[in-house]
Amino acid sequence: MTSVRHPYLDHPATIPFAHRGGAADGIENTTAAFRRAADAGYRYFETDVHTTSDGRLVAFHDATLDRVTDARGRIAELPWSEVRRARVAGREPLPLFEELLETFPEARWNVDIKAASALVPLVGLIRRTDAWDRVCVGSFSEARVARAHRLAGPRLATSYGVRGVLGLRLRSYGIPAALRAGAVCAQVPESQNGVRVVDRRFVREAHARGLQVHVWTVNEPERMAALLDLGVDGIMTDHIETLRTVLSERGAWA
């Protein structure tokens, strides 16, 4: 494990992340999902944010309601008064991210900014609630997380976007590449388009730069074990019971 650079990363062992609260049972990104994860002993949750047409910050993965709720439409084109009536799996309401911060005051959140319109409201919410130590902001867009860092400064934990991960991968091969300053972690898939991302060389390069490596989304115990053997610092999973078992068997469930 690397030394802690930001209070968000203050965890005594490998960080287990409940991906969307534990999406395996179909009620992803809901208060019920996060409560189940909290009851299972998780304190790191992964979620996503979009903004409604009237600027409310909703914890939800997709741009539309269609896939997992009983409603239809693009969140960005609907007011909160309509979005709040949607039910995930036909039964669970969508939460505002602010409500999640209040409901789970001990939790730490890894937040993927899914829409550019959510960036400023998210930074504003973190500032207003003084949640600097509880939130890490990520995005596929390097420009988006770089802007979040510029707006908030070093108080805000951010991960690399795609460009940063590529730069880190190139550096792990000894190829010069520019990297954005200020990130505290690289959050990556094991592989992308058939190309391996996470290997011992990648983890070594990240640790040499003081960065943690968090891998998503890992649901099989064999893959979890292999990544732990590489020395990764965090694993995001839909199957929260499986990851808890794997870490417990290694004495790494904290």
Foldseek 3Di string as FASTA:
>chain_A
DFDDPALLLPDPFFAEEQEQLQPPVQQGQFPVSVVVLVVVPHQEYEFEWDAACVGFTWTDDDQWPPPFWPDTDGRNDHDPVVQQVIAGNHHTGIDGVLVVCVVRVRHAYEYEYPDLSVLVVVLVSCVVVVCLSRYEYEYLDQVSQVVSCVVNPLSHAYEGHVQQLVQLQCVLVVHHDDHDPRHAAHEEECADPPHGRDDLSSCVSQSVVNHAYEYDDDEDLVVVVVNVVSPHRYYYYSHSVSNQVSCVVVVRRD
